[in-house]
Every structure is written in structure tokens, then in C-alpha cells.
Protein backbone atom coordinates (compact mmCIF):
# COMPACT_ATOMS: atom_id res chain seq x y z
CA MET A 1 0.00 0.00 0.00
CA TYR A 2 1.14 3.56 -0.80
CA ASP A 3 0.10 6.83 0.76
CA TYR A 4 -0.11 8.58 -2.60
CA ILE A 5 -0.40 7.29 -6.15
CA ILE A 6 0.50 9.84 -8.82
CA VAL A 7 -0.69 9.09 -12.35
CA GLY A 8 1.58 10.71 -14.91
CA ALA A 9 5.29 11.55 -14.53
CA GLY A 10 5.12 14.72 -16.61
CA SER A 11 5.68 18.37 -15.83
CA ALA A 12 3.51 18.22 -12.70
CA GLY A 13 3.86 14.58 -11.64
CA CYS A 14 7.64 14.67 -11.21
CA VAL A 15 7.35 17.78 -9.04
CA LEU A 16 4.78 16.13 -6.79
CA ALA A 17 6.77 12.90 -6.53
CA ASN A 18 9.77 14.87 -5.32
CA ARG A 19 7.93 17.07 -2.83
CA LEU A 20 5.64 14.43 -1.33
CA SER A 21 8.48 11.92 -0.89
CA GLU A 22 10.50 14.48 1.08
CA ASP A 23 8.72 12.99 4.10
CA PRO A 24 10.50 9.64 4.65
CA ASP A 25 7.37 8.21 6.27
CA CYS A 26 5.27 8.94 3.18
CA ARG A 27 5.18 6.22 0.50
CA VAL A 28 4.73 7.45 -3.06
CA LEU A 29 4.05 5.54 -6.29
CA LEU A 30 4.57 7.36 -9.59
CA LEU A 31 3.07 5.77 -12.71
CA GLU A 32 4.16 6.79 -16.22
CA ALA A 33 2.69 5.33 -19.41
CA GLY A 34 5.81 6.12 -21.44
CA PRO A 35 9.43 4.98 -21.16
CA SER A 36 12.39 6.40 -19.29
CA ASP A 37 13.91 9.62 -20.65
CA TRP A 38 17.14 7.90 -21.74
CA HIS A 39 17.19 9.09 -25.36
CA PRO A 40 20.10 11.50 -26.10
CA PHE A 41 17.88 13.74 -28.26
CA ILE A 42 15.80 14.52 -25.16
CA HIS A 43 18.80 15.95 -23.33
CA MET A 44 20.44 17.82 -26.23
CA PRO A 45 18.21 20.92 -26.63
CA ALA A 46 18.35 21.00 -30.44
CA GLY A 47 17.34 17.33 -30.40
CA LEU A 48 13.74 18.49 -30.11
CA ALA A 49 13.70 18.71 -33.92
CA LYS A 50 14.44 14.97 -34.09
CA LEU A 51 11.80 14.13 -31.47
CA VAL A 52 8.98 15.49 -33.65
CA GLY A 53 8.36 12.19 -35.42
CA LYS A 54 9.46 9.88 -32.62
CA LYS A 55 6.24 8.14 -31.61
CA GLY A 56 7.80 6.23 -28.71
CA VAL A 57 7.90 9.39 -26.55
CA ASN A 58 4.75 11.04 -27.88
CA TRP A 59 1.04 10.34 -27.39
CA ASP A 60 0.62 11.48 -31.01
CA TYR A 61 -2.88 12.91 -30.69
CA ASN A 62 -4.96 14.51 -33.43
CA THR A 63 -8.03 16.65 -33.11
CA ALA A 64 -11.32 15.81 -34.75
CA PRO A 65 -11.89 17.68 -38.03
CA GLU A 66 -11.90 21.40 -37.22
CA PRO A 67 -14.85 23.13 -38.95
CA GLU A 68 -13.23 26.60 -38.98
CA LEU A 69 -9.91 25.26 -40.28
CA GLY A 70 -11.13 23.61 -43.45
CA GLY A 71 -11.99 20.33 -41.74
CA ARG A 72 -8.33 19.66 -40.96
CA GLU A 73 -7.31 17.34 -38.11
CA LEU A 74 -4.59 19.16 -36.21
CA TRP A 75 -1.67 17.28 -34.70
CA TRP A 76 -1.28 17.56 -30.92
CA PRO A 77 2.04 16.06 -29.77
CA ARG A 78 2.14 15.43 -26.02
CA GLY A 79 5.03 13.92 -24.09
CA LYS A 80 4.72 10.21 -23.27
CA VAL A 81 7.97 9.76 -21.36
CA LEU A 82 9.43 10.67 -17.97
CA GLY A 83 9.17 14.43 -17.88
CA GLY A 84 6.11 14.44 -20.14
CA SER A 85 5.93 17.39 -22.50
CA SER A 86 8.80 19.08 -20.66
CA SER A 87 11.00 16.39 -22.26
CA ILE A 88 9.97 17.21 -25.84
CA ASN A 89 9.07 20.93 -25.81
CA ALA A 90 11.08 23.98 -26.94
CA MET A 91 12.01 24.82 -23.33
CA CYS A 92 10.89 28.49 -23.30
CA TYR A 93 10.58 29.57 -19.66
CA ILE A 94 7.54 31.83 -19.50
CA ARG A 95 5.21 32.36 -16.56
CA GLY A 96 2.57 34.53 -18.19
CA HIS A 97 1.32 37.88 -16.93
CA ALA A 98 0.75 38.55 -13.23
CA ARG A 99 -2.83 39.57 -13.98
CA ASP A 100 -3.52 36.12 -15.45
CA TYR A 101 -3.37 34.64 -11.96
CA ASP A 102 -5.39 37.43 -10.39
CA GLU A 103 -7.99 36.63 -13.05
CA TRP A 104 -7.98 32.99 -11.94
CA ALA A 105 -8.86 34.12 -8.44
CA THR A 106 -11.74 36.28 -9.67
CA LEU A 107 -13.07 33.22 -11.54
CA GLY A 108 -13.32 31.28 -8.28
CA ALA A 109 -9.79 29.86 -7.94
CA GLU A 110 -9.32 31.40 -4.52
CA GLY A 111 -5.70 31.47 -3.37
CA TRP A 112 -4.18 31.38 -6.86
CA GLN A 113 -3.65 35.12 -7.29
CA TRP A 114 -0.21 36.38 -8.30
CA SER A 115 0.85 37.31 -4.78
CA ASN A 116 0.29 33.69 -3.73
CA VAL A 117 1.87 31.90 -6.68
CA LEU A 118 5.01 34.01 -7.16
CA GLY A 119 6.74 32.28 -4.25
CA TYR A 120 6.16 28.89 -5.85
CA PHE A 121 7.64 30.05 -9.16
CA LYS A 122 10.68 31.25 -7.24
CA ARG A 123 10.95 28.04 -5.21
CA SER A 124 11.01 26.02 -8.41
CA GLU A 125 13.46 28.22 -10.29
CA GLY A 126 17.24 27.95 -10.37
CA ASN A 127 17.96 30.93 -12.60
CA GLN A 128 21.43 31.33 -14.03
CA ARG A 129 21.20 35.05 -13.25
CA GLY A 130 20.70 34.40 -9.53
CA ALA A 131 17.95 35.23 -7.08
CA SER A 132 16.03 38.50 -7.15
CA GLU A 133 12.69 39.93 -6.15
CA LEU A 134 11.00 38.05 -9.01
CA HIS A 135 13.33 35.07 -9.53
CA GLY A 136 14.69 32.08 -7.65
CA GLY A 137 18.36 31.24 -7.85
CA ASP A 138 18.68 27.82 -6.24
CA GLY A 139 15.52 25.90 -7.19
CA PRO A 140 15.66 22.50 -8.93
CA LEU A 141 14.49 23.77 -12.33
CA GLY A 142 17.44 25.12 -14.30
CA VAL A 143 16.63 28.35 -16.17
CA SER A 144 19.35 29.74 -18.43
CA ASP A 145 20.14 32.37 -21.03
CA PRO A 146 20.80 30.98 -24.52
CA ARG A 147 24.15 29.23 -24.68
CA HIS A 148 24.15 29.31 -28.49
CA ARG A 149 22.63 32.13 -30.56
CA ASN A 150 22.10 31.96 -34.29
CA PRO A 151 22.96 35.28 -36.03
CA LEU A 152 19.48 35.42 -37.59
CA SER A 153 17.91 35.48 -34.13
CA GLU A 154 19.75 38.72 -33.38
CA VAL A 155 18.73 40.10 -36.78
CA PHE A 156 15.12 39.45 -35.79
CA LEU A 157 15.54 41.49 -32.61
CA GLU A 158 17.10 44.34 -34.57
CA ALA A 159 14.15 44.23 -36.97
CA ALA A 160 11.64 44.29 -34.11
CA ALA A 161 13.35 47.43 -32.76
CA GLN A 162 13.24 49.01 -36.23
CA ALA A 163 9.50 48.28 -36.30
CA GLY A 164 9.13 50.34 -33.13
CA HIS A 165 8.91 47.59 -30.53
CA ALA A 166 10.67 47.76 -27.17
CA ARG A 167 13.57 45.48 -26.21
CA SER A 168 13.12 43.20 -23.19
CA ASP A 169 15.81 41.43 -21.18
CA ASP A 170 13.32 39.47 -19.07
CA PHE A 171 9.86 38.34 -20.20
CA ASN A 172 9.24 37.27 -16.59
CA GLY A 173 10.26 40.64 -15.18
CA PRO A 174 8.21 43.68 -14.19
CA ARG A 175 6.94 44.07 -17.78
CA GLN A 176 6.14 41.26 -20.18
CA ASP A 177 6.00 43.37 -23.36
CA GLY A 178 8.95 43.64 -25.68
CA PHE A 179 11.27 41.50 -27.78
CA GLY A 180 14.34 39.65 -26.61
CA TRP A 181 15.99 36.30 -25.93
CA TYR A 182 13.98 33.49 -24.35
CA GLN A 183 15.38 32.02 -21.18
CA THR A 184 15.05 28.26 -21.35
CA THR A 185 14.61 25.33 -18.99
CA THR A 186 18.19 24.20 -19.46
CA ARG A 187 21.20 23.75 -17.21
CA ASP A 188 24.83 23.58 -18.37
CA GLY A 189 23.70 23.31 -21.99
CA ALA A 190 21.31 20.37 -21.43
CA ARG A 191 17.51 20.23 -21.24
CA CYS A 192 16.22 20.50 -17.68
CA SER A 193 12.88 18.71 -17.87
CA SER A 194 10.78 18.07 -14.78
CA ALA A 195 12.28 14.57 -14.77
CA ALA A 196 15.84 15.92 -14.81
CA ALA A 197 15.07 18.68 -12.30
CA TYR A 198 12.83 16.90 -9.81
CA LEU A 199 12.87 13.16 -10.36
CA ALA A 200 16.44 12.17 -11.21
CA PRO A 201 17.93 13.58 -7.95
CA VAL A 202 15.51 11.56 -5.76
CA ARG A 203 15.07 8.29 -7.67
CA ARG A 204 16.99 6.42 -4.95
CA ARG A 205 14.64 7.42 -2.16
CA ALA A 206 13.41 4.26 -0.50
CA ASN A 207 9.88 5.64 -0.16
CA LEU A 208 9.48 6.49 -3.86
CA LYS A 209 8.70 3.93 -6.55
CA VAL A 210 8.56 4.83 -10.25
CA ILE A 211 7.00 2.47 -12.79
CA THR A 212 7.32 3.26 -16.50
CA GLY A 213 5.23 1.67 -19.24
CA ALA A 214 2.28 1.75 -16.82
CA ARG A 215 -0.95 2.88 -18.45
CA ALA A 216 -3.74 3.76 -16.01
CA SER A 217 -7.14 2.26 -16.81
CA ARG A 218 -9.29 3.66 -14.00
CA VAL A 219 -9.34 4.92 -10.46
CA THR A 220 -10.91 2.55 -7.94
CA PHE A 221 -13.39 3.71 -5.29
CA ASP A 222 -14.93 2.54 -2.04
CA GLN A 223 -18.28 4.30 -2.06
CA ALA A 224 -17.22 7.78 -3.18
CA ARG A 225 -13.65 7.67 -1.92
CA ALA A 226 -10.71 6.99 -4.24
CA THR A 227 -8.80 3.95 -3.04
CA GLY A 228 -6.31 3.15 -5.80
CA VAL A 229 -5.50 2.80 -9.49
CA VAL A 230 -5.84 -0.04 -11.98
CA TYR A 231 -3.10 0.03 -14.62
CA THR A 232 -1.47 -2.23 -17.17
CA VAL A 233 2.15 -2.94 -17.99
CA GLY A 234 2.29 -4.78 -21.27
CA ARG A 235 -0.59 -7.23 -21.17
CA LYS A 236 -0.67 -7.62 -17.40
CA ALA A 237 -3.06 -5.65 -15.19
CA TYR A 238 -2.28 -4.45 -11.68
CA CYS A 239 -4.15 -2.63 -8.94
CA GLU A 240 -2.37 -0.55 -6.32
CA VAL A 241 -3.95 0.95 -3.22
CA ALA A 242 -3.57 4.52 -1.99
CA ALA A 243 -4.10 5.09 1.74
CA ARG A 244 -4.41 8.87 1.41
CA GLU A 245 -4.95 10.15 -2.13
CA VAL A 246 -4.83 9.44 -5.83
CA ILE A 247 -3.46 12.39 -7.82
CA LEU A 248 -3.99 12.68 -11.57
CA CYS A 249 -1.19 14.47 -13.45
CA GLY A 250 -1.92 13.30 -16.98
CA GLY A 251 -2.44 16.71 -18.54
CA ALA A 252 -5.33 18.35 -20.36
CA ILE A 253 -6.12 15.22 -22.39
CA ASN A 254 -5.32 12.21 -20.22
CA SER A 255 -6.65 13.46 -16.87
CA PRO A 256 -10.23 14.14 -18.03
CA GLN A 257 -10.17 10.88 -19.99
CA LEU A 258 -9.22 8.92 -16.88
CA LEU A 259 -11.86 10.70 -14.81
CA MET A 260 -14.53 9.71 -17.32
CA LEU A 261 -13.29 6.12 -17.51
CA SER A 262 -13.63 6.08 -13.70
CA GLY A 263 -17.24 7.28 -13.70
CA ILE A 264 -16.67 11.00 -13.17
CA GLY A 265 -17.92 13.36 -15.86
CA PRO A 266 -21.05 14.31 -17.81
CA ALA A 267 -23.62 11.66 -16.93
CA GLY A 268 -25.02 11.37 -20.44
CA GLU A 269 -21.56 10.94 -21.94
CA LEU A 270 -20.66 8.21 -19.44
CA ARG A 271 -23.90 6.28 -19.91
CA ARG A 272 -23.47 6.45 -23.69
CA HIS A 273 -20.36 4.30 -23.24
CA GLY A 274 -21.82 2.01 -20.60
CA ILE A 275 -19.86 3.57 -17.73
CA GLY A 276 -21.58 3.82 -14.35
CA VAL A 277 -21.94 7.37 -13.04
CA LEU A 278 -20.13 8.00 -9.76
CA ALA A 279 -20.17 11.81 -9.98
CA ASP A 280 -22.06 13.82 -12.59
CA LEU A 281 -19.60 16.62 -13.44
CA PRO A 282 -20.47 18.29 -16.78
CA GLY A 283 -17.22 20.27 -16.70
CA VAL A 284 -14.99 17.24 -17.23
CA GLY A 285 -13.61 17.60 -20.74
CA ALA A 286 -15.22 21.02 -21.26
CA ASN A 287 -13.51 24.46 -21.33
CA LEU A 288 -10.81 23.11 -23.64
CA HIS A 289 -8.75 25.89 -25.18
CA ASP A 290 -5.32 26.29 -26.71
CA HIS A 291 -3.06 28.84 -28.38
CA LEU A 292 -3.52 28.69 -32.15
CA ASP A 293 -0.42 29.69 -34.10
CA ILE A 294 0.28 30.97 -37.61
CA CYS A 295 3.69 31.00 -39.30
CA THR A 296 5.31 33.40 -41.75
CA LEU A 297 8.18 31.68 -43.57
CA GLN A 298 10.85 33.30 -45.76
CA ARG A 299 13.81 31.95 -47.67
CA CYS A 300 17.26 33.05 -46.51
CA THR A 301 19.80 34.11 -49.13
CA GLN A 302 22.72 33.22 -46.86
CA GLY A 303 23.46 29.81 -45.37
CA LEU A 304 23.04 30.88 -41.75
CA SER A 305 19.93 28.96 -40.76
CA TYR A 306 19.79 25.57 -39.07
CA ASP A 307 18.27 23.97 -42.19
CA THR A 308 21.62 22.99 -43.67
CA ALA A 309 23.25 21.74 -40.46
CA SER A 310 24.17 18.07 -40.40
CA ASP A 311 22.44 16.26 -37.54
CA ALA A 312 25.49 14.10 -36.93
CA ALA A 313 27.85 17.08 -36.99
CA VAL A 314 25.66 19.06 -34.59
CA ALA A 315 25.50 16.17 -32.12
CA PHE A 316 29.24 15.46 -32.42
CA GLN A 317 30.13 19.11 -31.84
CA TYR A 318 27.69 19.38 -28.94
CA TYR A 319 29.20 16.51 -26.99
CA LEU A 320 32.79 17.19 -28.05
CA MET A 321 32.62 20.85 -26.99
CA GLY A 322 30.98 20.22 -23.62
CA ARG A 323 27.35 20.84 -24.57
CA ARG A 324 28.01 23.83 -26.79
CA GLY A 325 27.45 24.80 -30.40
CA PRO A 326 24.12 24.61 -32.29
CA GLY A 327 23.14 21.48 -30.34
CA ALA A 328 22.73 23.67 -27.25
CA SER A 329 20.08 25.80 -29.00
CA ASN A 330 16.38 25.43 -28.23
CA ILE A 331 15.84 26.60 -31.87
CA ALA A 332 13.18 29.17 -30.81
CA GLU A 333 15.88 31.43 -29.39
CA SER A 334 14.28 34.87 -29.59
CA GLY A 335 10.78 36.28 -29.69
CA GLY A 336 8.51 38.70 -27.98
CA PHE A 337 5.18 39.86 -26.59
CA LEU A 338 3.14 42.86 -27.67
CA ARG A 339 -0.26 44.47 -27.36
CA SER A 340 -2.22 44.83 -30.58
CA HIS A 341 -5.06 47.31 -31.01
CA LEU A 342 -7.39 44.42 -30.13
CA ALA A 343 -5.95 43.97 -26.62
CA GLU A 344 -8.59 44.48 -23.93
CA ASP A 345 -6.30 45.50 -21.06
CA GLU A 346 -2.65 46.12 -20.26
CA ARG A 347 -1.64 42.52 -20.96
CA PRO A 348 0.07 41.61 -24.26
CA ASP A 349 -2.29 39.67 -26.49
CA LEU A 350 0.28 38.37 -29.01
CA GLN A 351 3.38 36.19 -28.66
CA PHE A 352 6.09 35.59 -31.26
CA HIS A 353 8.70 32.82 -31.54
CA PHE A 354 11.43 33.33 -34.14
CA VAL A 355 13.04 30.19 -35.55
CA PRO A 356 16.17 30.42 -37.76
CA ALA A 357 14.98 27.47 -39.85
CA GLN A 358 12.12 26.58 -42.17
CA LEU A 359 9.27 25.02 -40.23
CA ASP A 360 6.20 23.62 -41.93
CA ASP A 361 3.71 21.18 -40.42
CA HIS A 362 5.53 21.18 -37.06
CA GLY A 363 8.82 20.49 -38.83
CA ARG A 364 7.54 17.22 -40.26
CA ASN A 365 7.66 18.63 -43.81
CA ARG A 366 11.39 19.08 -44.44
CA MET A 367 11.88 21.86 -46.98
CA PRO A 368 14.93 22.32 -49.25
CA GLY A 369 17.24 25.27 -48.92
CA SER A 370 17.60 27.76 -46.09
CA GLY A 371 15.09 30.04 -44.42
CA TYR A 372 13.55 31.39 -41.23
CA THR A 373 10.12 31.20 -39.62
CA LEU A 374 8.15 33.55 -37.40
CA HIS A 375 5.46 31.97 -35.22
CA ALA A 376 2.67 34.24 -34.00
CA CYS A 377 -0.20 33.33 -31.70
CA GLY A 378 -3.10 35.05 -29.94
CA LEU A 379 -2.71 34.69 -26.18
CA ARG A 380 -6.32 35.03 -24.99
CA PRO A 381 -8.58 32.88 -27.18
CA ARG A 382 -12.31 33.02 -26.60
CA SER A 383 -13.12 29.79 -28.45
CA ARG A 384 -13.83 26.75 -26.30
CA GLY A 385 -13.82 23.11 -27.29
CA ARG A 386 -14.35 19.86 -25.52
CA LEU A 387 -12.88 16.42 -25.05
CA THR A 388 -15.06 13.29 -25.02
CA LEU A 389 -14.52 9.56 -24.92
CA ALA A 390 -14.29 7.56 -28.11
CA SER A 391 -15.17 4.43 -26.15
CA ALA A 392 -14.88 2.84 -22.71
CA ASN A 393 -11.59 1.24 -23.76
CA PRO A 394 -8.65 3.05 -22.07
CA ALA A 395 -6.46 2.27 -25.08
CA ASP A 396 -8.67 4.29 -27.44
CA LYS A 397 -7.65 7.91 -27.83
CA PRO A 398 -10.32 10.40 -26.77
CA ARG A 399 -12.08 12.66 -29.24
CA ILE A 400 -10.58 16.16 -29.20
CA GLU A 401 -12.81 18.94 -30.51
CA ALA A 402 -10.64 22.04 -30.12
CA ALA A 403 -13.22 24.27 -31.86
CA TYR A 404 -10.57 26.77 -32.93
CA LEU A 405 -11.87 30.15 -34.22
CA SER A 406 -15.43 29.26 -33.20
CA ASP A 407 -16.13 32.23 -30.92
CA ALA A 408 -19.31 34.02 -31.93
CA GLU A 409 -17.68 37.44 -32.33
CA GLY A 410 -14.85 36.21 -34.57
CA TYR A 411 -12.35 37.74 -32.16
CA ASP A 412 -9.81 34.88 -32.34
CA LEU A 413 -9.61 35.13 -36.13
CA LYS A 414 -9.17 38.91 -36.01
CA VAL A 415 -6.28 38.49 -33.55
CA LEU A 416 -4.49 36.03 -35.84
CA VAL A 417 -4.94 38.32 -38.84
CA GLU A 418 -3.36 41.12 -36.83
CA ALA A 419 -0.57 38.83 -35.58
CA LEU A 420 0.32 37.88 -39.14
CA ARG A 421 0.29 41.51 -40.26
CA LEU A 422 2.58 42.61 -37.42
CA GLY A 423 4.91 39.67 -37.97
CA ARG A 424 5.26 40.50 -41.66
CA GLU A 425 5.97 44.10 -40.72
CA ILE A 426 8.92 43.01 -38.58
CA LEU A 427 10.33 40.73 -41.26
CA ALA A 428 10.11 43.58 -43.78
CA GLN A 429 12.49 45.81 -41.80
CA PRO A 430 15.93 46.82 -43.14
CA ALA A 431 17.76 44.48 -40.74
CA PHE A 432 16.63 41.51 -42.85
CA ALA A 433 17.59 43.06 -46.21
CA PRO A 434 20.91 41.15 -46.57
CA TYR A 435 19.18 37.83 -45.82
CA ARG A 436 15.65 38.15 -47.17
CA GLY A 437 14.62 35.77 -49.93
CA GLU A 438 11.12 35.10 -51.23
CA GLU A 439 8.23 34.70 -48.83
CA VAL A 440 7.09 31.06 -48.87
CA PHE A 441 4.12 31.41 -46.50
CA PRO A 442 1.66 33.07 -46.81
CA GLY A 443 3.32 33.98 -50.15
CA PRO A 444 3.78 37.25 -52.03
CA ASP A 445 0.35 37.05 -53.66
CA VAL A 446 -1.51 36.83 -50.33
CA ARG A 447 -2.05 40.46 -49.34
CA ASP A 448 -5.74 41.21 -48.87
CA GLU A 449 -7.65 40.21 -45.74
CA ALA A 450 -9.66 37.50 -47.52
CA GLY A 451 -6.45 35.84 -48.69
CA ILE A 452 -4.89 36.04 -45.24
CA ILE A 453 -7.99 34.51 -43.63
CA GLU A 454 -7.96 31.68 -46.17
CA PHE A 455 -4.27 31.07 -45.40
CA ILE A 456 -4.94 31.00 -41.64
CA ARG A 457 -7.73 28.48 -42.08
CA ARG A 458 -5.45 26.36 -44.26
CA LYS A 459 -2.21 26.50 -42.25
CA ALA A 460 -2.77 27.51 -38.60
CA GLU A 461 -1.63 24.91 -36.07
CA SER A 462 -1.46 24.34 -32.31
CA ILE A 463 1.55 25.68 -30.47
CA TYR A 464 0.99 22.96 -27.84
CA HIS A 465 -0.73 24.71 -24.91
CA PRO A 466 -4.05 22.89 -24.29
CA VAL A 467 -5.61 23.60 -20.88
CA GLY A 468 -8.85 23.83 -18.96
CA THR A 469 -10.53 20.43 -19.21
CA CYS A 470 -10.68 19.91 -15.42
CA ARG A 471 -11.33 23.54 -14.61
CA MET A 472 -10.56 24.82 -11.12
CA GLY A 473 -12.99 27.14 -9.35
CA SER A 474 -15.48 27.47 -6.54
CA ALA A 475 -17.10 24.25 -5.41
CA GLY A 476 -20.54 25.70 -6.05
CA ASP A 477 -19.89 26.49 -9.70
CA PRO A 478 -21.51 23.71 -11.79
CA ASP A 479 -18.92 24.17 -14.56
CA THR A 480 -15.88 23.46 -12.36
CA VAL A 481 -14.28 20.06 -11.82
CA VAL A 482 -11.88 20.71 -8.95
CA ASP A 483 -12.06 23.16 -6.06
CA PRO A 484 -9.24 25.63 -5.30
CA GLN A 485 -7.47 22.85 -3.37
CA LEU A 486 -7.57 20.82 -6.62
CA ARG A 487 -9.88 18.20 -5.07
CA VAL A 488 -12.30 16.56 -7.50
CA LYS A 489 -15.87 17.53 -6.63
CA GLY A 490 -18.31 14.86 -5.54
CA VAL A 491 -15.69 12.36 -4.39
CA ALA A 492 -12.95 12.18 -1.75
CA GLY A 493 -9.28 11.29 -1.92
CA LEU A 494 -8.82 12.38 -5.54
CA ARG A 495 -7.10 15.47 -6.98
CA VAL A 496 -6.07 16.72 -10.40
CA VAL A 497 -2.75 18.57 -10.63
CA ASP A 498 -1.76 19.67 -14.15
CA ALA A 499 -2.61 22.20 -16.87
CA SER A 500 -6.16 20.87 -17.14
CA VAL A 501 -7.11 22.76 -13.95
CA MET A 502 -6.28 26.21 -15.41
CA PRO A 503 -9.53 28.21 -15.59
CA ARG A 504 -8.03 30.25 -18.45
CA LEU A 505 -4.86 30.12 -20.47
CA VAL A 506 -1.96 32.17 -19.21
CA GLY A 507 -0.38 34.67 -21.59
CA GLY A 508 2.52 32.52 -22.72
CA ASN A 509 3.98 29.02 -22.66
CA THR A 510 2.35 26.68 -20.15
CA ASN A 511 5.20 24.49 -18.89
CA ALA A 512 6.50 26.70 -16.08
CA PRO A 513 2.97 27.48 -14.80
CA THR A 514 2.20 23.75 -14.69
CA MET A 515 5.25 23.12 -12.50
CA MET A 516 4.17 26.02 -10.28
CA ILE A 517 0.73 24.44 -9.91
CA ALA A 518 2.39 21.22 -8.73
CA GLU A 519 4.65 23.07 -6.29
CA ARG A 520 1.64 24.73 -4.67
CA ALA A 521 -0.40 21.51 -4.82
CA ALA A 522 2.29 19.73 -2.81
CA ASP A 523 1.84 22.31 -0.05
CA LEU A 524 -1.95 22.07 -0.28
CA ILE A 525 -1.74 18.30 0.14
CA ARG A 526 0.64 18.64 3.09
CA GLY A 527 -1.42 21.41 4.68
CA LEU A 528 1.34 24.00 4.25
CA ALA A 529 -0.17 26.38 1.68
CA ALA A 530 -1.40 29.83 2.64
């Protein structure tokens, strides 16, 4: 018997396993459906480009056909490996805007305002620049300035300045707006995933057991209290018992799926698949939203981009030079945040990631020659989708209806049109003149609004930030799934701790906020949180 069973060793699960097992009298079991994070491409930052098509560390999800995107099924890669998506992402360390968390509190997530969560960000963070009022210097999560910088990334920053945008030396500082270098979750030139930061240093603890290749099938209950987890390893099924709590850390897709498989969710949906209803919670799987991204891609007239680099040469140089050279790059080295004329308050509503390489279809479509790509996404989407079961079989992937661009006012589409316009404006600045080749996407003939909208519907993709499917809020709100202590409503002994509990998307990348959620959850579980 264990005190706690944690399902999912991703960005949140590894944090919880570390913090809860700090008590030597507390027995913790951590279950991960994927393998160990042994692969060298996981630990070499630039290896993320090679992980794109590696199905062994990726759940490899696709949405249902998206009506507003030409009926396309969008690819949603999610980490299926120790460290979860923090082992396959682009490592940008972004917290979001302070007001994002104050907004959570106004939506019923009492205790999650900025003044309460800042300390948990700092506790997690081991920033290369040292400790300060807003940063932690000795936390387990390595946060570093870029060790390798492609010349085109600096050209992009010069162009942003020429377009009239401010320079920023810290997107997590007093002001989020501006353009600059992304700090990354790396340490000494290597990826610092949640597994590397939190799990690897404590794997030898006698009170912590980690099982990989373990796919959870359902949570078990005695009456309405969670008592354990049924899972499979290969073809063999197991059931482990939790004396205190079961904690789901599967992310915005897997956590609501497991709740529904366990009888917690919309009653009609559960009965449709022959699943007995333990708790009728309509919010399970609802409130799904994500950052939709559009890319502008140009050819480069000089061979400076990463397109022409030999994979073998990059890896050889990286290890030979002590984790330096292009292999130490997270590829999305520079970028920025800005407020468009559509922004509703002081928060930036657009984010840009500049990539000194040609990226099409998540990098799966390898293009000849050399070029550079500018990602642009709207940070505060109004569209909401939902996740439902395909069947009662845990092995069947759930149905993901992201419902991109479906908001009644058309706001999300207007934001992307503006993001593309502003991105093109930056790339048209004099700084790029010595390098600028033809525009590949949207293409020189796409200039009017109708053409841009058609291009967005044809080419926009996820930038991998799904949240909200187990929404946190007041216990009395019928649309919420967990209370502000992250306890699942209607049952006992069960919590959800991952990005699915976010009431609304933060203004930026979601990995660091997910680790913060787990840091605070550990204190909530131990009765230490304010």
C-alpha cells in the first residue's frame, strides 16, 4: 500500500513525486505510461527537432476535423515519457502575466492570485542570473540564457526594434511586453525537464517507486472515496492501493479521460459508453482551449539557418565541446510579446517565436534550402472546445474537438490576422535586407484580408498549450471540476494537478505554470499552503 499514487510523470507529476516523498514516512508511487527519458535527443536541446516524429515518446494525438480550419485534423504532440511534454518541448521559460493569476482568483480559484503563486515560481526556479525579487536562484528547475545564438535570431531582434517595438531582457520581469531572448529550462547546456530537475535527484529514495510503461485504466473507489489505481504494464493488469490520495497528473487530455473512464464526468456521456456514473460533473472535458499559431516563412539568401546543419555534426560538436554549439540551442531562441489594437487591457495579447529554420507542419515537412520562420499566436482565445470519450476502452484515444476560431464574435480570427500583419511588418524591416529571400508562406500574392484569412484556415496549427478540461474554481460552480485545493468535486481522496485545472490560459507558454501548480499543490496536500 502507498500513501499517494501519482498518475503521470510529466511536468507536474515529477514535481509532486519529489515534494511528497521528502517525508521519509510517506510512501509514493509514480506511474508513467511512457518509457524512461534515456534518449540522447531529449537531453540535447536541439534534439527536439528529431523528437517530432518519434512516436515512442509522444502520445501522437490529433483533433477531430476542425470546422473553422477547413476540416483539418490538427496534430497535438504530447510527451509520453518521464518528464512528459517538458521532455519534448522547446524549453521556453515563460510564466505569463501577473494579472492572469489574479484573473484565476476572480473566476473562483481562490488562493491562486499572483501574490500567492510568485513564491512557488521562485521556489522552483534555479535561474542562471541568480535570485532576485522576481526570480529564484537555487531551485531545482534550471533556467538559463541561450548558450548558443544563431545570427538570424539577433537580426530578428534588430528588426523588431526598427519596427518600433521595445527590447526586453526578461519576459518574466516587471513588464512582459517587448522582444528579446527566451530564457530556457536548461542547465549547463542540457535540457532540464521536470524529470531531470525533480525526479532524477531523488530516484533512490526508499519511499518512492517509479513504474514506467504503466498505463492507467481507471481509479478505484470505495463508495465515493478513491482507493487506488488499476493500470497495465504490457498485457498484465495491476491494482495498487492509496491510503491517502490518488493524484492525476496526466495533462489536459489524459486526466479528463481517466476521470470519465472512472465514472466522473457528464452523466449522459458516461452512460453512452456504458460507464456507471459516480459523480455527474459536466465540466470534465469542457472548457478546452489552446493557443492557435500561424507562421510566416521566408527563404534566406545566406546559409546561416539551421536547415543545412548536419544532424550528426551538430551532435558530435555538442558533446565534443561540452554541450556547446548549435546542439545547445532550443531553436526558438528569440521572440517577444506585444499588445495589438485588439488587446482588452494592459496585458500583451500576441506572442512571437522566431526560428532560424524553415518550419512547416511542425517540422515534419522538411523543406529544401535555407530560411527562417516567425510563429505568432493570440494569447487570450475566446473559443472553447471539448474532449469526449471515443469508447470505454482506455487504449482508445479520446475525441478532441478544439473548436478553434469558433467564438461568436470572430475575435480569435481577427487576432491572428493582426498577428500575421505585425509579424510580416517586422520581417520587412531593413535588418533583414541582406538575408531576405522570397516569402514562402503566406506567399507574395496573399495580401488582402480575404487571402490572409484563407491562409490561416489552411495553415494555422497548435503551439501545444491545451488547458482547462478539469477547470478549477469554486465548489458551487456547476462548470468546475476541482475546487481551489484541486480536489475533485463529488468524491474524496482524488485530486487533479496539471494544466487541465487552469480556468483560463496564461499569456505565454504553459510548462513553467504547470510546475508552479504542482509546487503549490504539494503544499496544499501537506497542509502547508497559505
